[in-house]
Amino acid sequence: MRQRRSYAKEYKIQAVKLAKTRGTKAAATEPGILEGKLSGWVHKAKSGHMDLWHGEQRPETALTLAAENEELRRQLKERDKEIKRLNELNEFLEEALTFFAASHRKSGRGND
């Protein structure tokens, strides 16, 4: 029975980069990787399921990251508005509490 080999992430990345320059078949024979396994890694890299580091992103991935960044900015802006609204409400409630506490003391009902 064949033993299953485990490859380090850096090794896979270098193999995929080699496959991009020399082709999958040639890249698989040089380091002794099965061509099917390397083809799987190349497919993962193309579909965005393998991070190739060093800024090697596909345009679709970069667009997705930009869209995600824009969505996060929008959410942050909404939360900032909500925080501002809640702070204003809190200030109003503190002023109302102070007003009612003062009027309660003036009316003499504070000594119950």
PDB file of N, CA and C in Angstrom:
ATOM      1  N   MET A   1       0.838  -1.184   0.000  1.00  0.00           N
ATOM      2  CA  MET A   1       0.000   0.000   0.000  1.00  0.00           C
ATOM      3  C   MET A   1       0.878   1.241   0.000  1.00  0.00           C
ATOM      4  N   ARG A   2       0.494   2.220  -0.799  1.00  0.00           N
ATOM      5  CA  ARG A   2       1.286   3.435  -0.923  1.00  0.00           C
ATOM      6  C   ARG A   2       1.055   4.361   0.247  1.00  0.00           C
ATOM      7  N   GLN A   3       2.150   4.924   0.714  1.00  0.00           N
ATOM      8  CA  GLN A   3       2.075   5.868   1.842  1.00  0.00           C
ATOM      9  C   GLN A   3       1.699   7.252   1.319  1.00  0.00           C
ATOM     10  N   ARG A   4       0.782   7.898   2.018  1.00  0.00           N
ATOM     11  CA  ARG A   4       0.327   9.233   1.619  1.00  0.00           C
ATOM     12  C   ARG A   4       1.361  10.268   2.061  1.00  0.00           C
ATOM     13  N   ARG A   5       1.812  11.100   1.086  1.00  0.00           N
ATOM     14  CA  ARG A   5       2.816  12.121   1.397  1.00  0.00           C
ATOM     15  C   ARG A   5       2.148  13.425   1.767  1.00  0.00           C
ATOM     16  N   SER A   6       2.762  14.127   2.668  1.00  0.00           N
ATOM     17  CA  SER A   6       2.294  15.451   3.061  1.00  0.00           C
ATOM     18  C   SER A   6       3.319  16.472   2.586  1.00  0.00           C
ATOM     19  N   TYR A   7       2.826  17.551   1.990  1.00  0.00           N
ATOM     20  CA  TYR A   7       3.714  18.579   1.457  1.00  0.00           C
ATOM     21  C   TYR A   7       3.506  19.881   2.230  1.00  0.00           C
ATOM     22  N   ALA A   8       4.598  20.573   2.471  1.00  0.00           N
ATOM     23  CA  ALA A   8       4.514  21.870   3.150  1.00  0.00           C
ATOM     24  C   ALA A   8       3.873  22.887   2.207  1.00  0.00           C
ATOM     25  N   LYS A   9       3.217  23.874   2.780  1.00  0.00           N
ATOM     26  CA  LYS A   9       2.539  24.900   1.991  1.00  0.00           C
ATOM     27  C   LYS A   9       3.516  25.608   1.051  1.00  0.00           C
ATOM     28  N   GLU A  10       4.700  25.940   1.550  1.00  0.00           N
ATOM     29  CA  GLU A  10       5.694  26.637   0.728  1.00  0.00           C
ATOM     30  C   GLU A  10       6.102  25.789  -0.483  1.00  0.00           C
ATOM     31  N   TYR A  11       6.185  24.473  -0.263  1.00  0.00           N
ATOM     32  CA  TYR A  11       6.555  23.546  -1.337  1.00  0.00           C
ATOM     33  C   TYR A  11       5.477  23.561  -2.420  1.00  0.00           C
ATOM     34  N   LYS A  12       4.214  23.512  -1.995  1.00  0.00           N
ATOM     35  CA  LYS A  12       3.102  23.534  -2.942  1.00  0.00           C
ATOM     36  C   LYS A  12       3.105  24.829  -3.750  1.00  0.00           C
ATOM     37  N   ILE A  13       3.336  25.935  -3.065  1.00  0.00           N
ATOM     38  CA  ILE A  13       3.342  27.239  -3.735  1.00  0.00           C
ATOM     39  C   ILE A  13       4.435  27.295  -4.791  1.00  0.00           C
ATOM     40  N   GLN A  14       5.618  26.830  -4.440  1.00  0.00           N
ATOM     41  CA  GLN A  14       6.728  26.840  -5.407  1.00  0.00           C
ATOM     42  C   GLN A  14       6.428  25.923  -6.589  1.00  0.00           C
ATOM     43  N   ALA A  15       5.795  24.781  -6.320  1.00  0.00           N
ATOM     44  CA  ALA A  15       5.450  23.856  -7.398  1.00  0.00           C
ATOM     45  C   ALA A  15       4.418  24.479  -8.339  1.00  0.00           C
ATOM     46  N   VAL A  16       3.427  25.170  -7.793  1.00  0.00           N
ATOM     47  CA  VAL A  16       2.416  25.829  -8.622  1.00  0.00           C
ATOM     48  C   VAL A  16       3.059  26.925  -9.460  1.00  0.00           C
ATOM     49  N   LYS A  17       3.955  27.687  -8.869  1.00  0.00           N
ATOM     50  CA  LYS A  17       4.649  28.739  -9.618  1.00  0.00           C
ATOM     51  C   LYS A  17       5.485  28.136 -10.747  1.00  0.00           C
ATOM     52  N   LEU A  18       6.124  27.015 -10.466  1.00  0.00           N
ATOM     53  CA  LEU A  18       6.908  26.322 -11.490  1.00  0.00           C
ATOM     54  C   LEU A  18       5.989  25.827 -12.602  1.00  0.00           C
ATOM     55  N   ALA A  19       4.814  25.319 -12.234  1.00  0.00           N
ATOM     56  CA  ALA A  19       3.850  24.841 -13.235  1.00  0.00           C
ATOM     57  C   ALA A  19       3.371  25.972 -14.120  1.00  0.00           C
ATOM     58  N   LYS A  20       3.274  27.174 -13.557  1.00  0.00           N
ATOM     59  CA  LYS A  20       2.850  28.325 -14.359  1.00  0.00           C
ATOM     60  C   LYS A  20       3.879  28.656 -15.434  1.00  0.00           C
ATOM     61  N   THR A  21       5.151  28.492 -15.113  1.00  0.00           N
ATOM     62  CA  THR A  21       6.200  28.859 -16.074  1.00  0.00           C
ATOM     63  C   THR A  21       6.558  27.722 -17.026  1.00  0.00           C
ATOM     64  N   ARG A  22       6.514  26.494 -16.563  1.00  0.00           N
ATOM     65  CA  ARG A  22       6.971  25.364 -17.397  1.00  0.00           C
ATOM     66  C   ARG A  22       5.871  24.408 -17.820  1.00  0.00           C
ATOM     67  N   GLY A  23       4.690  24.582 -17.282  1.00  0.00           N
ATOM     68  CA  GLY A  23       3.614  23.639 -17.580  1.00  0.00           C
ATOM     69  C   GLY A  23       3.510  22.596 -16.475  1.00  0.00           C
ATOM     70  N   THR A  24       2.337  22.063 -16.299  1.00  0.00           N
ATOM     71  CA  THR A  24       2.094  21.141 -15.191  1.00  0.00           C
ATOM     72  C   THR A  24       2.884  19.845 -15.334  1.00  0.00           C
ATOM     73  N   LYS A  25       2.905  19.274 -16.532  1.00  0.00           N
ATOM     74  CA  LYS A  25       3.584  17.990 -16.744  1.00  0.00           C
ATOM     75  C   LYS A  25       5.081  18.109 -16.457  1.00  0.00           C
ATOM     76  N   ALA A  26       5.703  19.152 -17.005  1.00  0.00           N
ATOM     77  CA  ALA A  26       7.145  19.342 -16.793  1.00  0.00           C
ATOM     78  C   ALA A  26       7.444  19.665 -15.337  1.00  0.00           C
ATOM     79  N   ALA A  27       6.612  20.471 -14.725  1.00  0.00           N
ATOM     80  CA  ALA A  27       6.833  20.850 -13.332  1.00  0.00           C
ATOM     81  C   ALA A  27       6.653  19.664 -12.398  1.00  0.00           C
ATOM     82  N   ALA A  28       5.772  18.739 -12.756  1.00  0.00           N
ATOM     83  CA  ALA A  28       5.525  17.572 -11.905  1.00  0.00           C
ATOM     84  C   ALA A  28       6.675  16.585 -11.961  1.00  0.00           C
ATOM     85  N   THR A  29       7.295  16.422 -13.110  1.00  0.00           N
ATOM     86  CA  THR A  29       8.362  15.426 -13.231  1.00  0.00           C
ATOM     87  C   THR A  29       9.653  15.867 -12.559  1.00  0.00           C
ATOM     88  N   GLU A  30       9.927  17.168 -12.574  1.00  0.00           N
ATOM     89  CA  GLU A  30      11.188  17.635 -11.985  1.00  0.00           C
ATOM     90  C   GLU A  30      11.298  17.334 -10.492  1.00  0.00           C
ATOM     91  N   PRO A  31      10.339  17.771  -9.650  1.00  0.00           N
ATOM     92  CA  PRO A  31      10.488  17.460  -8.233  1.00  0.00           C
ATOM     93  C   PRO A  31       9.912  16.100  -7.843  1.00  0.00           C
ATOM     94  N   GLY A  32       9.312  15.373  -8.792  1.00  0.00           N
ATOM     95  CA  GLY A  32       8.787  14.050  -8.500  1.00  0.00           C
ATOM     96  C   GLY A  32       7.395  14.068  -7.884  1.00  0.00           C
ATOM     97  N   ILE A  33       6.613  15.052  -8.205  1.00  0.00           N
ATOM     98  CA  ILE A  33       5.230  15.129  -7.728  1.00  0.00           C
ATOM     99  C   ILE A  33       4.345  14.462  -8.764  1.00  0.00           C
ATOM    100  N   LEU A  34       3.314  13.773  -8.321  1.00  0.00           N
ATOM    101  CA  LEU A  34       2.363  13.200  -9.266  1.00  0.00           C
ATOM    102  C   LEU A  34       1.667  14.335 -10.011  1.00  0.00           C
ATOM    103  N   GLU A  35       1.526  14.164 -11.316  1.00  0.00           N
ATOM    104  CA  GLU A  35       0.947  15.215 -12.152  1.00  0.00           C
ATOM    105  C   GLU A  35      -0.479  15.551 -11.709  1.00  0.00           C
ATOM    106  N   GLY A  36      -1.246  14.559 -11.318  1.00  0.00           N
ATOM    107  CA  GLY A  36      -2.616  14.784 -10.864  1.00  0.00           C
ATOM    108  C   GLY A  36      -2.669  15.639  -9.604  1.00  0.00           C
ATOM    109  N   LYS A  37      -1.728  15.374  -8.705  1.00  0.00           N
ATOM    110  CA  LYS A  37      -1.669  16.145  -7.461  1.00  0.00           C
ATOM    111  C   LYS A  37      -1.319  17.606  -7.760  1.00  0.00           C
ATOM    112  N   LEU A  38      -0.333  17.824  -8.616  1.00  0.00           N
ATOM    113  CA  LEU A  38       0.058  19.184  -8.979  1.00  0.00           C
ATOM    114  C   LEU A  38      -1.070  19.892  -9.727  1.00  0.00           C
ATOM    115  N   SER A  39      -1.774  19.154 -10.580  1.00  0.00           N
ATOM    116  CA  SER A  39      -2.921  19.739 -11.287  1.00  0.00           C
ATOM    117  C   SER A  39      -3.974  20.202 -10.286  1.00  0.00           C
ATOM    118  N   GLY A  40      -4.179  19.426  -9.235  1.00  0.00           N
ATOM    119  CA  GLY A  40      -5.123  19.815  -8.186  1.00  0.00           C
ATOM    120  C   GLY A  40      -4.696  21.095  -7.492  1.00  0.00           C
ATOM    121  N   TRP A  41      -3.402  21.207  -7.209  1.00  0.00           N
ATOM    122  CA  TRP A  41      -2.886  22.415  -6.561  1.00  0.00           C
ATOM    123  C   TRP A  41      -3.057  23.625  -7.481  1.00  0.00           C
ATOM    124  N   VAL A  42      -2.763  23.435  -8.771  1.00  0.00           N
ATOM    125  CA  VAL A  42      -2.903  24.527  -9.738  1.00  0.00           C
ATOM    126  C   VAL A  42      -4.370  24.956  -9.808  1.00  0.00           C
ATOM    127  N   HIS A  43      -5.270  23.983  -9.828  1.00  0.00           N
ATOM    128  CA  HIS A  43      -6.703  24.304  -9.862  1.00  0.00           C
ATOM    129  C   HIS A  43      -7.115  25.080  -8.609  1.00  0.00           C
ATOM    130  N   LYS A  44      -6.625  24.656  -7.441  1.00  0.00           N
ATOM    131  CA  LYS A  44      -6.926  25.373  -6.197  1.00  0.00           C
ATOM    132  C   LYS A  44      -6.420  26.810  -6.261  1.00  0.00           C
ATOM    133  N   ALA A  45      -5.224  26.982  -6.803  1.00  0.00           N
ATOM    134  CA  ALA A  45      -4.654  28.328  -6.905  1.00  0.00           C
ATOM    135  C   ALA A  45      -5.493  29.189  -7.848  1.00  0.00           C
ATOM    136  N   LYS A  46      -5.928  28.611  -8.971  1.00  0.00           N
ATOM    137  CA  LYS A  46      -6.731  29.364  -9.932  1.00  0.00           C
ATOM    138  C   LYS A  46      -8.099  29.724  -9.369  1.00  0.00           C
ATOM    139  N   SER A  47      -8.664  28.838  -8.569  1.00  0.00           N
ATOM    140  CA  SER A  47     -10.002  29.095  -8.023  1.00  0.00           C
ATOM    141  C   SER A  47      -9.954  29.949  -6.761  1.00  0.00           C
ATOM    142  N   GLY A  48      -8.745  30.276  -6.305  1.00  0.00           N
ATOM    143  CA  GLY A  48      -8.607  31.152  -5.145  1.00  0.00           C
ATOM    144  C   GLY A  48      -8.597  30.419  -3.816  1.00  0.00           C
ATOM    145  N   HIS A  49      -8.515  29.095  -3.838  1.00  0.00           N
ATOM    146  CA  HIS A  49      -8.496  28.324  -2.600  1.00  0.00           C
ATOM    147  C   HIS A  49      -7.083  28.066  -2.082  1.00  0.00           C
ATOM    148  N   MET A  50      -6.092  28.555  -2.792  1.00  0.00           N
ATOM    149  CA  MET A  50      -4.706  28.443  -2.333  1.00  0.00           C
ATOM    150  C   MET A  50      -4.071  29.818  -2.467  1.00  0.00           C
ATOM    151  N   ASP A  51      -3.627  30.353  -1.367  1.00  0.00           N
ATOM    152  CA  ASP A  51      -3.000  31.674  -1.366  1.00  0.00           C
ATOM    153  C   ASP A  51      -1.562  31.527  -1.833  1.00  0.00           C
ATOM    154  N   LEU A  52      -1.222  32.219  -2.913  1.00  0.00           N
ATOM    155  CA  LEU A  52       0.138  32.130  -3.449  1.00  0.00           C
ATOM    156  C   LEU A  52       1.078  33.189  -2.891  1.00  0.00           C
ATOM    157  N   TRP A  53       0.578  33.991  -1.942  1.00  0.00           N
ATOM    158  CA  TRP A  53       1.392  35.015  -1.300  1.00  0.00           C
ATOM    159  C   TRP A  53       1.945  36.016  -2.303  1.00  0.00           C
ATOM    160  N   HIS A  54       2.729  36.908  -1.822  1.00  0.00           N
ATOM    161  CA  HIS A  54       3.500  37.868  -2.622  1.00  0.00           C
ATOM    162  C   HIS A  54       2.682  38.546  -3.708  1.00  0.00           C
ATOM    163  N   GLY A  55       1.439  38.905  -3.403  1.00  0.00           N
ATOM    164  CA  GLY A  55       0.630  39.684  -4.325  1.00  0.00           C
ATOM    165  C   GLY A  55       0.161  38.966  -5.563  1.00  0.00           C
ATOM    166  N   GLU A  56       0.212  37.648  -5.582  1.00  0.00           N
ATOM    167  CA  GLU A  56      -0.252  36.925  -6.763  1.00  0.00           C
ATOM    168  C   GLU A  56      -1.734  36.636  -6.622  1.00  0.00           C
ATOM    169  N   GLN A  57      -2.544  37.639  -6.891  1.00  0.00           N
ATOM    170  CA  GLN A  57      -3.986  37.467  -6.853  1.00  0.00           C
ATOM    171  C   GLN A  57      -4.530  37.588  -8.261  1.00  0.00           C
ATOM    172  N   ARG A  58      -5.624  36.879  -8.466  1.00  0.00           N
ATOM    173  CA  ARG A  58      -6.313  37.011  -9.746  1.00  0.00           C
ATOM    174  C   ARG A  58      -7.164  38.279  -9.695  1.00  0.00           C
ATOM    175  N   PRO A  59      -7.495  38.855 -10.828  1.00  0.00           N
ATOM    176  CA  PRO A  59      -8.321  40.067 -10.830  1.00  0.00           C
ATOM    177  C   PRO A  59      -9.659  39.866 -10.120  1.00  0.00           C
ATOM    178  N   GLU A  60     -10.256  38.668 -10.253  1.00  0.00           N
ATOM    179  CA  GLU A  60     -11.532  38.404  -9.589  1.00  0.00           C
ATOM    180  C   GLU A  60     -11.370  38.457  -8.073  1.00  0.00           C
ATOM    181  N   THR A  61     -10.273  37.916  -7.565  1.00  0.00           N
ATOM    182  CA  THR A  61     -10.023  37.923  -6.130  1.00  0.00           C
ATOM    183  C   THR A  61      -9.786  39.338  -5.638  1.00  0.00           C
ATOM    184  N   ALA A  62      -9.008  40.105  -6.396  1.00  0.00           N
ATOM    185  CA  ALA A  62      -8.736  41.487  -6.004  1.00  0.00           C
ATOM    186  C   ALA A  62     -10.019  42.304  -5.984  1.00  0.00           C
ATOM    187  N   LEU A  63     -10.872  42.067  -6.952  1.00  0.00           N
ATOM    188  CA  LEU A  63     -12.146  42.772  -6.991  1.00  0.00           C
ATOM    189  C   LEU A  63     -12.990  42.389  -5.791  1.00  0.00           C
ATOM    190  N   THR A  64     -12.979  41.129  -5.435  1.00  0.00           N
ATOM    191  CA  THR A  64     -13.731  40.662  -4.282  1.00  0.00           C
ATOM    192  C   THR A  64     -13.196  41.308  -3.013  1.00  0.00           C
ATOM    193  N   LEU A  65     -11.899  41.405  -2.892  1.00  0.00           N
ATOM    194  CA  LEU A  65     -11.305  42.037  -1.716  1.00  0.00           C
ATOM    195  C   LEU A  65     -11.651  43.520  -1.670  1.00  0.00           C
ATOM    196  N   ALA A  66     -11.649  44.178  -2.811  1.00  0.00           N
ATOM    197  CA  ALA A  66     -12.008  45.597  -2.853  1.00  0.00           C
ATOM    198  C   ALA A  66     -13.474  45.778  -2.474  1.00  0.00           C
ATOM    199  N   ALA A  67     -14.334  44.914  -2.975  1.00  0.00           N
ATOM    200  CA  ALA A  67     -15.758  44.998  -2.640  1.00  0.00           C
ATOM    201  C   ALA A  67     -15.970  44.733  -1.149  1.00  0.00           C
ATOM    202  N   GLU A  68     -15.255  43.752  -0.633  1.00  0.00           N
ATOM    203  CA  GLU A  68     -15.359  43.454   0.801  1.00  0.00           C
ATOM    204  C   GLU A  68     -14.865  44.639   1.632  1.00  0.00           C
ATOM    205  N   ASN A  69     -13.783  45.253   1.202  1.00  0.00           N
ATOM    206  CA  ASN A  69     -13.246  46.424   1.890  1.00  0.00           C
ATOM    207  C   ASN A  69     -14.262  47.563   1.892  1.00  0.00           C
ATOM    208  N   GLU A  70     -14.914  47.780   0.749  1.00  0.00           N
ATOM    209  CA  GLU A  70     -15.932  48.824   0.638  1.00  0.00           C
ATOM    210  C   GLU A  70     -17.115  48.527   1.548  1.00  0.00           C
ATOM    211  N   GLU A  71     -17.521  47.276   1.623  1.00  0.00           N
ATOM    212  CA  GLU A  71     -18.630  46.882   2.503  1.00  0.00           C
ATOM    213  C   GLU A  71     -18.267  47.110   3.967  1.00  0.00           C
ATOM    214  N   LEU A  72     -17.045  46.793   4.335  1.00  0.00           N
ATOM    215  CA  LEU A  72     -16.597  47.021   5.714  1.00  0.00           C
ATOM    216  C   LEU A  72     -16.572  48.514   6.047  1.00  0.00           C
ATOM    217  N   ARG A  73     -16.165  49.328   5.080  1.00  0.00           N
ATOM    218  CA  ARG A  73     -16.178  50.790   5.287  1.00  0.00           C
ATOM    219  C   ARG A  73     -17.606  51.294   5.493  1.00  0.00           C
ATOM    220  N   ARG A  74     -18.543  50.763   4.702  1.00  0.00           N
ATOM    221  CA  ARG A  74     -19.938  51.157   4.821  1.00  0.00           C
ATOM    222  C   ARG A  74     -20.492  50.770   6.194  1.00  0.00           C
ATOM    223  N   GLN A  75     -20.177  49.548   6.636  1.00  0.00           N
ATOM    224  CA  GLN A  75     -20.632  49.098   7.953  1.00  0.00           C
ATOM    225  C   GLN A  75     -20.038  49.954   9.068  1.00  0.00           C
ATOM    226  N   LEU A  76     -18.764  50.306   8.927  1.00  0.00           N
ATOM    227  CA  LEU A  76     -18.108  51.145   9.926  1.00  0.00           C
ATOM    228  C   LEU A  76     -18.775  52.519   9.997  1.00  0.00           C
ATOM    229  N   LYS A  77     -19.097  53.078   8.831  1.00  0.00           N
ATOM    230  CA  LYS A  77     -19.765  54.380   8.779  1.00  0.00           C
ATOM    231  C   LYS A  77     -21.131  54.302   9.465  1.00  0.00           C
ATOM    232  N   GLU A  78     -21.880  53.223   9.204  1.00  0.00           N
ATOM    233  CA  GLU A  78     -23.187  53.037   9.838  1.00  0.00           C
ATOM    234  C   GLU A  78     -23.046  52.927  11.356  1.00  0.00           C
ATOM    235  N   ARG A  79     -22.062  52.184  11.790  1.00  0.00           N
ATOM    236  CA  ARG A  79     -21.859  52.013  13.236  1.00  0.00           C
ATOM    237  C   ARG A  79     -21.441  53.320  13.900  1.00  0.00           C
ATOM    238  N   ASP A  80     -20.617  54.097  13.203  1.00  0.00           N
ATOM    239  CA  ASP A  80     -20.228  55.411  13.739  1.00  0.00           C
ATOM    240  C   ASP A  80     -21.448  56.311  13.904  1.00  0.00           C
ATOM    241  N   LYS A  81     -22.349  56.275  12.905  1.00  0.00           N
ATOM    242  CA  LYS A  81     -23.577  57.073  13.001  1.00  0.00           C
ATOM    243  C   LYS A  81     -24.431  56.602  14.181  1.00  0.00           C
ATOM    244  N   GLU A  82     -24.541  55.294  14.350  1.00  0.00           N
ATOM    245  CA  GLU A  82     -25.335  54.741  15.448  1.00  0.00           C
ATOM    246  C   GLU A  82     -24.723  55.098  16.799  1.00  0.00           C
ATOM    247  N   ILE A  83     -23.403  55.048  16.902  1.00  0.00           N
ATOM    248  CA  ILE A  83     -22.722  55.420  18.154  1.00  0.00           C
ATOM    249  C   ILE A  83     -22.978  56.892  18.463  1.00  0.00           C
ATOM    250  N   LYS A  84     -22.902  57.730  17.444  1.00  0.00           N
ATOM    251  CA  LYS A  84     -23.157  59.168  17.641  1.00  0.00           C
ATOM    252  C   LYS A  84     -24.593  59.385  18.119  1.00  0.00           C
ATOM    253  N   ARG A  85     -25.561  58.696  17.492  1.00  0.00           N
ATOM    254  CA  ARG A  85     -26.966  58.823  17.878  1.00  0.00           C
ATOM    255  C   ARG A  85     -27.175  58.359  19.322  1.00  0.00           C
ATOM    256  N   LEU A  86     -26.570  57.246  19.687  1.00  0.00           N
ATOM    257  CA  LEU A  86     -26.717  56.729  21.052  1.00  0.00           C
ATOM    258  C   LEU A  86     -26.063  57.649  22.080  1.00  0.00           C
ATOM    259  N   ASN A  87     -24.920  58.238  21.727  1.00  0.00           N
ATOM    260  CA  ASN A  87     -24.268  59.191  22.643  1.00  0.00           C
ATOM    261  C   ASN A  87     -25.143  60.426  22.856  1.00  0.00           C
ATOM    262  N   GLU A  88     -25.752  60.921  21.770  1.00  0.00           N
ATOM    263  CA  GLU A  88     -26.653  62.069  21.893  1.00  0.00           C
ATOM    264  C   GLU A  88     -27.866  61.721  22.753  1.00  0.00           C
ATOM    265  N   LEU A  89     -28.413  60.545  22.556  1.00  0.00           N
ATOM    266  CA  LEU A  89     -29.545  60.092  23.358  1.00  0.00           C
ATOM    267  C   LEU A  89     -29.153  59.962  24.825  1.00  0.00           C
ATOM    268  N   ASN A  90     -27.979  59.434  25.063  1.00  0.00           N
ATOM    269  CA  ASN A  90     -27.481  59.284  26.433  1.00  0.00           C
ATOM    270  C   ASN A  90     -27.325  60.653  27.110  1.00  0.00           C
ATOM    271  N   GLU A  91     -26.778  61.627  26.375  1.00  0.00           N
ATOM    272  CA  GLU A  91     -26.639  62.986  26.925  1.00  0.00           C
ATOM    273  C   GLU A  91     -28.010  63.579  27.256  1.00  0.00           C
ATOM    274  N   PHE A  92     -28.982  63.385  26.352  1.00  0.00           N
ATOM    275  CA  PHE A  92     -30.331  63.889  26.587  1.00  0.00           C
ATOM    276  C   PHE A  92     -30.925  63.256  27.846  1.00  0.00           C
ATOM    277  N   LEU A  93     -30.771  61.961  27.989  1.00  0.00           N
ATOM    278  CA  LEU A  93     -31.321  61.277  29.163  1.00  0.00           C
ATOM    279  C   LEU A  93     -30.648  61.734  30.458  1.00  0.00           C
ATOM    280  N   GLU A  94     -29.337  61.972  30.403  1.00  0.00           N
ATOM    281  CA  GLU A  94     -28.637  62.479  31.588  1.00  0.00           C
ATOM    282  C   GLU A  94     -29.153  63.867  31.960  1.00  0.00           C
ATOM    283  N   GLU A  95     -29.377  64.734  30.948  1.00  0.00           N
ATOM    284  CA  GLU A  95     -29.915  66.075  31.214  1.00  0.00           C
ATOM    285  C   GLU A  95     -31.335  65.991  31.778  1.00  0.00           C
ATOM    286  N   ALA A  96     -32.148  65.099  31.223  1.00  0.00           N
ATOM    287  CA  ALA A  96     -33.517  64.930  31.712  1.00  0.00           C
ATOM    288  C   ALA A  96     -33.509  64.426  33.148  1.00  0.00           C
ATOM    289  N   LEU A  97     -32.629  63.491  33.454  1.00  0.00           N
ATOM    290  CA  LEU A  97     -32.517  62.967  34.814  1.00  0.00           C
ATOM    291  C   LEU A  97     -32.126  64.077  35.784  1.00  0.00           C
ATOM    292  N   THR A  98     -31.153  64.884  35.377  1.00  0.00           N
ATOM    293  CA  THR A  98     -30.716  66.004  36.215  1.00  0.00           C
ATOM    294  C   THR A  98     -31.870  66.987  36.432  1.00  0.00           C
ATOM    295  N   PHE A  99     -32.607  67.292  35.356  1.00  0.00           N
ATOM    296  CA  PHE A  99     -33.739  68.220  35.452  1.00  0.00           C
ATOM    297  C   PHE A  99     -34.808  67.688  36.405  1.00  0.00           C
ATOM    298  N   PHE A 100     -35.199  66.441  36.218  1.00  0.00           N
ATOM    299  CA  PHE A 100     -36.253  65.879  37.062  1.00  0.00           C
ATOM    300  C   PHE A 100     -35.800  65.690  38.506  1.00  0.00           C
ATOM    301  N   ALA A 101     -34.532  65.353  38.708  1.00  0.00           N
ATOM    302  CA  ALA A 101     -34.015  65.225  40.071  1.00  0.00           C
ATOM    303  C   ALA A 101     -34.031  66.576  40.770  1.00  0.00           C
ATOM    304  N   ALA A 102     -33.654  67.638  40.040  1.00  0.00           N
ATOM    305  CA  ALA A 102     -33.652  68.987  40.619  1.00  0.00           C
ATOM    306  C   ALA A 102     -35.075  69.444  40.921  1.00  0.00           C
ATOM    307  N   SER A 103     -36.001  69.203  40.016  1.00  0.00           N
ATOM    308  CA  SER A 103     -37.381  69.626  40.257  1.00  0.00           C
ATOM    309  C   SER A 103     -38.009  68.808  41.383  1.00  0.00           C
ATOM    310  N   HIS A 104     -37.605  67.607  41.527  1.00  0.00           N
ATOM    311  CA  HIS A 104     -38.096  66.751  42.613  1.00  0.00           C
ATOM    312  C   HIS A 104     -37.627  67.286  43.957  1.00  0.00           C
ATOM    313  N   ARG A 105     -36.373  67.731  44.016  1.00  0.00           N
ATOM    314  CA  ARG A 105     -35.842  68.295  45.267  1.00  0.00           C
ATOM    315  C   ARG A 105     -36.520  69.628  45.599  1.00  0.00           C
ATOM    316  N   LYS A 106     -36.763  70.468  44.595  1.00  0.00           N
ATOM    317  CA  LYS A 106     -37.377  71.779  44.817  1.00  0.00           C
ATOM    318  C   LYS A 106     -38.816  71.654  45.321  1.00  0.00           C
ATOM    319  N   SER A 107     -39.510  70.653  44.858  1.00  0.00           N
ATOM    320  CA  SER A 107     -40.902  70.502  45.259  1.00  0.00           C
ATOM    321  C   SER A 107     -41.037  69.954  46.669  1.00  0.00           C
ATOM    322  N   GLY A 108     -39.929  69.557  47.244  1.00  0.00           N
ATOM    323  CA  GLY A 108     -39.940  69.054  48.613  1.00  0.00           C
ATOM    324  C   GLY A 108     -40.362  67.602  48.722  1.00  0.00           C
ATOM    325  N   ARG A 109     -40.488  66.943  47.610  1.00  0.00           N
ATOM    326  CA  ARG A 109     -40.856  65.529  47.650  1.00  0.00           C
ATOM    327  C   ARG A 109     -39.629  64.646  47.815  1.00  0.00           C
ATOM    328  N   GLY A 110     -38.471  65.236  47.881  1.00  0.00           N
ATOM    329  CA  GLY A 110     -37.256  64.464  48.026  1.00  0.00           C
ATOM    330  C   GLY A 110     -37.023  63.963  49.433  1.00  0.00           C
ATOM    331  N   ASN A 111     -37.801  64.414  50.408  1.00  0.00           N
ATOM    332  CA  ASN A 111     -37.588  64.003  51.798  1.00  0.00           C
ATOM    333  C   ASN A 111     -38.618  62.977  52.252  1.00  0.00           C
ATOM    334  N   ASP A 112     -39.006  62.079  51.460  1.00  0.00           N
ATOM    335  CA  ASP A 112     -40.013  61.071  51.841  1.00  0.00           C
ATOM    336  C   ASP A 112     -39.484  60.059  52.783  1.00  0.00           C
TER     337      ASP A 112
END
